[in-house]
Amino acid sequence: MADKAVTTASKPQMRGLLNSAIKRNIYVALAFAAVSGVAFKELIGTSRKRKYAEFYRNYDAEKEFEEMRKKGLFQSC
């Protein structure tokens, strides 16, 4: 009866250890890259796109040109 209480240790994995570790690391890396890409797009990309759209909605190129010309930034004007 004492034999059943004793558990035997499982054998170590001698073959394919590197392959299984590489598979696991690839899955983790792909998941991390996907989460990072989506987070960057949502947190930074959309706000940046919105700011650019707002800037060019109110931008007047002729007014900016006249201000720079009055300041003397152009040699030919």
N, C-alpha and C. Protein backbone atom coordinates (compact mmCIF):
# COMPACT_ATOMS: atom_id res chain seq x y z
N MET A 1 0.80 -1.19 0.00
CA MET A 1 0.00 0.00 0.00
C MET A 1 0.85 1.27 0.00
N ALA A 2 2.01 1.21 0.50
CA ALA A 2 2.89 2.37 0.53
C ALA A 2 3.37 2.72 -0.87
N ASP A 3 3.35 1.76 -1.81
CA ASP A 3 3.80 2.01 -3.17
C ASP A 3 2.89 2.99 -3.90
N LYS A 4 1.60 2.96 -3.62
CA LYS A 4 0.66 3.85 -4.31
C LYS A 4 0.80 5.30 -3.84
N ALA A 5 1.26 5.51 -2.64
CA ALA A 5 1.41 6.85 -2.11
C ALA A 5 2.62 7.55 -2.71
N VAL A 6 3.58 6.79 -3.18
CA VAL A 6 4.79 7.37 -3.76
C VAL A 6 4.53 7.66 -5.24
N THR A 7 4.81 8.87 -5.66
CA THR A 7 4.64 9.21 -7.07
C THR A 7 6.00 9.22 -7.74
N THR A 8 6.00 8.85 -8.97
CA THR A 8 7.26 8.85 -9.72
C THR A 8 7.36 10.14 -10.51
N ALA A 9 8.55 10.65 -10.61
CA ALA A 9 8.78 11.87 -11.36
C ALA A 9 8.67 11.56 -12.85
N SER A 10 8.11 12.50 -13.59
CA SER A 10 8.00 12.28 -15.03
C SER A 10 9.36 12.45 -15.67
N LYS A 11 9.52 11.78 -16.77
CA LYS A 11 10.80 11.86 -17.48
C LYS A 11 10.99 13.24 -18.10
N PRO A 12 12.21 13.74 -18.12
CA PRO A 12 12.45 15.03 -18.77
C PRO A 12 12.31 14.90 -20.28
N GLN A 13 11.94 15.99 -20.89
CA GLN A 13 11.79 15.98 -22.34
C GLN A 13 13.18 16.13 -22.96
N MET A 14 13.60 15.08 -23.64
CA MET A 14 14.95 15.08 -24.18
C MET A 14 14.98 15.48 -25.65
N ARG A 15 13.90 15.24 -26.35
CA ARG A 15 13.86 15.58 -27.77
C ARG A 15 12.77 16.60 -28.02
N GLY A 16 13.07 17.53 -28.89
CA GLY A 16 12.06 18.51 -29.28
C GLY A 16 11.87 19.65 -28.28
N LEU A 17 12.75 19.77 -27.31
CA LEU A 17 12.61 20.83 -26.32
C LEU A 17 12.80 22.21 -26.95
N LEU A 18 13.79 22.34 -27.81
CA LEU A 18 14.03 23.61 -28.48
C LEU A 18 12.86 23.97 -29.39
N ASN A 19 12.36 22.99 -30.14
CA ASN A 19 11.24 23.26 -31.04
C ASN A 19 10.00 23.70 -30.29
N SER A 20 9.72 23.06 -29.18
CA SER A 20 8.53 23.45 -28.41
C SER A 20 8.72 24.84 -27.80
N ALA A 21 9.92 25.17 -27.37
CA ALA A 21 10.18 26.50 -26.82
C ALA A 21 10.06 27.56 -27.90
N ILE A 22 10.56 27.28 -29.09
CA ILE A 22 10.47 28.24 -30.20
C ILE A 22 9.01 28.45 -30.59
N LYS A 23 8.22 27.39 -30.66
CA LYS A 23 6.79 27.53 -30.99
C LYS A 23 6.09 28.42 -29.98
N ARG A 24 6.34 28.15 -28.71
CA ARG A 24 5.71 28.95 -27.66
C ARG A 24 6.13 30.41 -27.76
N ASN A 25 7.41 30.66 -27.99
CA ASN A 25 7.91 32.03 -28.08
C ASN A 25 7.34 32.75 -29.30
N ILE A 26 7.15 32.05 -30.40
CA ILE A 26 6.57 32.67 -31.59
C ILE A 26 5.13 33.06 -31.33
N TYR A 27 4.37 32.18 -30.70
CA TYR A 27 2.98 32.51 -30.38
C TYR A 27 2.88 33.72 -29.45
N VAL A 28 3.74 33.76 -28.45
CA VAL A 28 3.74 34.88 -27.52
C VAL A 28 4.14 36.17 -28.25
N ALA A 29 5.15 36.10 -29.10
CA ALA A 29 5.61 37.29 -29.82
C ALA A 29 4.55 37.80 -30.78
N LEU A 30 3.87 36.90 -31.49
CA LEU A 30 2.82 37.33 -32.40
C LEU A 30 1.65 37.96 -31.66
N ALA A 31 1.28 37.37 -30.55
CA ALA A 31 0.18 37.94 -29.75
C ALA A 31 0.56 39.32 -29.23
N PHE A 32 1.79 39.45 -28.73
CA PHE A 32 2.25 40.75 -28.22
C PHE A 32 2.30 41.80 -29.33
N ALA A 33 2.76 41.41 -30.51
CA ALA A 33 2.85 42.35 -31.63
C ALA A 33 1.45 42.79 -32.07
N ALA A 34 0.51 41.86 -32.10
CA ALA A 34 -0.85 42.21 -32.50
C ALA A 34 -1.49 43.17 -31.49
N VAL A 35 -1.33 42.88 -30.22
CA VAL A 35 -1.90 43.75 -29.19
C VAL A 35 -1.24 45.12 -29.23
N SER A 36 0.07 45.16 -29.41
CA SER A 36 0.79 46.44 -29.48
C SER A 36 0.36 47.25 -30.69
N GLY A 37 0.20 46.59 -31.83
CA GLY A 37 -0.23 47.29 -33.04
C GLY A 37 -1.61 47.89 -32.91
N VAL A 38 -2.53 47.12 -32.38
CA VAL A 38 -3.89 47.64 -32.20
C VAL A 38 -3.90 48.77 -31.18
N ALA A 39 -3.16 48.62 -30.10
CA ALA A 39 -3.11 49.67 -29.07
C ALA A 39 -2.51 50.95 -29.64
N PHE A 40 -1.45 50.84 -30.43
CA PHE A 40 -0.84 52.03 -31.03
C PHE A 40 -1.80 52.72 -31.97
N LYS A 41 -2.48 51.93 -32.79
CA LYS A 41 -3.42 52.51 -33.74
C LYS A 41 -4.54 53.24 -33.03
N GLU A 42 -5.09 52.63 -32.00
CA GLU A 42 -6.21 53.24 -31.29
C GLU A 42 -5.79 54.42 -30.43
N LEU A 43 -4.70 54.30 -29.73
CA LEU A 43 -4.31 55.35 -28.78
C LEU A 43 -3.61 56.52 -29.45
N ILE A 44 -2.78 56.25 -30.45
CA ILE A 44 -1.98 57.32 -31.05
C ILE A 44 -2.44 57.65 -32.45
N GLY A 45 -2.69 56.64 -33.27
CA GLY A 45 -2.99 56.87 -34.68
C GLY A 45 -4.28 57.64 -34.92
N THR A 46 -5.34 57.27 -34.23
CA THR A 46 -6.62 57.94 -34.48
C THR A 46 -6.61 59.37 -33.98
N SER A 47 -5.98 59.63 -32.83
CA SER A 47 -5.92 61.00 -32.34
C SER A 47 -5.05 61.87 -33.24
N ARG A 48 -3.97 61.29 -33.76
CA ARG A 48 -3.10 62.04 -34.67
C ARG A 48 -3.82 62.36 -35.97
N LYS A 49 -4.56 61.38 -36.48
CA LYS A 49 -5.32 61.59 -37.71
C LYS A 49 -6.38 62.67 -37.51
N ARG A 50 -7.03 62.65 -36.35
CA ARG A 50 -8.05 63.65 -36.05
C ARG A 50 -7.44 65.05 -35.95
N LYS A 51 -6.25 65.17 -35.34
CA LYS A 51 -5.59 66.47 -35.22
C LYS A 51 -5.18 67.03 -36.58
N TYR A 52 -4.66 66.14 -37.46
CA TYR A 52 -4.30 66.59 -38.81
C TYR A 52 -5.53 67.04 -39.58
N ALA A 53 -6.62 66.31 -39.47
CA ALA A 53 -7.85 66.69 -40.18
C ALA A 53 -8.34 68.03 -39.68
N GLU A 54 -8.29 68.26 -38.38
CA GLU A 54 -8.74 69.54 -37.82
C GLU A 54 -7.82 70.68 -38.29
N PHE A 55 -6.53 70.43 -38.33
CA PHE A 55 -5.60 71.47 -38.76
C PHE A 55 -5.86 71.88 -40.21
N TYR A 56 -5.99 70.90 -41.10
CA TYR A 56 -6.18 71.24 -42.51
C TYR A 56 -7.59 71.70 -42.83
N ARG A 57 -8.54 71.46 -41.94
CA ARG A 57 -9.89 71.99 -42.14
C ARG A 57 -9.88 73.51 -41.96
N ASN A 58 -9.02 74.01 -41.06
CA ASN A 58 -8.97 75.44 -40.76
C ASN A 58 -7.77 76.13 -41.40
N TYR A 59 -6.97 75.43 -42.18
CA TYR A 59 -5.72 75.97 -42.71
C TYR A 59 -5.98 76.82 -43.95
N ASP A 60 -5.37 78.00 -43.97
CA ASP A 60 -5.47 78.88 -45.13
C ASP A 60 -4.04 79.13 -45.62
N ALA A 61 -3.70 78.53 -46.76
CA ALA A 61 -2.34 78.62 -47.28
C ALA A 61 -1.98 80.04 -47.70
N GLU A 62 -2.93 80.77 -48.30
CA GLU A 62 -2.65 82.14 -48.74
C GLU A 62 -2.35 83.05 -47.55
N LYS A 63 -3.08 82.89 -46.47
CA LYS A 63 -2.87 83.70 -45.28
C LYS A 63 -1.48 83.41 -44.69
N GLU A 64 -1.10 82.14 -44.63
CA GLU A 64 0.22 81.77 -44.13
C GLU A 64 1.32 82.33 -45.02
N PHE A 65 1.12 82.27 -46.33
CA PHE A 65 2.11 82.79 -47.26
C PHE A 65 2.29 84.29 -47.06
N GLU A 66 1.21 85.01 -46.91
CA GLU A 66 1.31 86.46 -46.72
C GLU A 66 2.02 86.81 -45.40
N GLU A 67 1.73 86.05 -44.36
CA GLU A 67 2.41 86.30 -43.08
C GLU A 67 3.91 86.05 -43.20
N MET A 68 4.30 84.98 -43.88
CA MET A 68 5.73 84.69 -44.04
C MET A 68 6.39 85.72 -44.95
N ARG A 69 5.66 86.20 -45.97
CA ARG A 69 6.22 87.22 -46.86
C ARG A 69 6.44 88.52 -46.11
N LYS A 70 5.50 88.90 -45.24
CA LYS A 70 5.64 90.13 -44.46
C LYS A 70 6.79 90.04 -43.48
N LYS A 71 7.09 88.85 -42.99
CA LYS A 71 8.20 88.67 -42.05
C LYS A 71 9.54 88.67 -42.77
N GLY A 72 9.54 88.58 -44.09
CA GLY A 72 10.77 88.59 -44.87
C GLY A 72 11.47 87.25 -44.94
N LEU A 73 10.73 86.18 -44.90
CA LEU A 73 11.33 84.84 -44.95
C LEU A 73 11.70 84.40 -46.36
N PHE A 74 11.17 85.06 -47.36
CA PHE A 74 11.45 84.69 -48.74
C PHE A 74 12.40 85.69 -49.37
N GLN A 75 13.39 85.21 -50.10
CA GLN A 75 14.31 86.11 -50.77
C GLN A 75 13.77 86.57 -52.11
N SER A 76 12.93 85.78 -52.72
CA SER A 76 12.46 86.12 -54.07
C SER A 76 11.15 86.92 -54.08
N CYS A 77 10.50 87.09 -52.95
CA CYS A 77 9.22 87.82 -52.91
C CYS A 77 9.38 89.19 -52.34
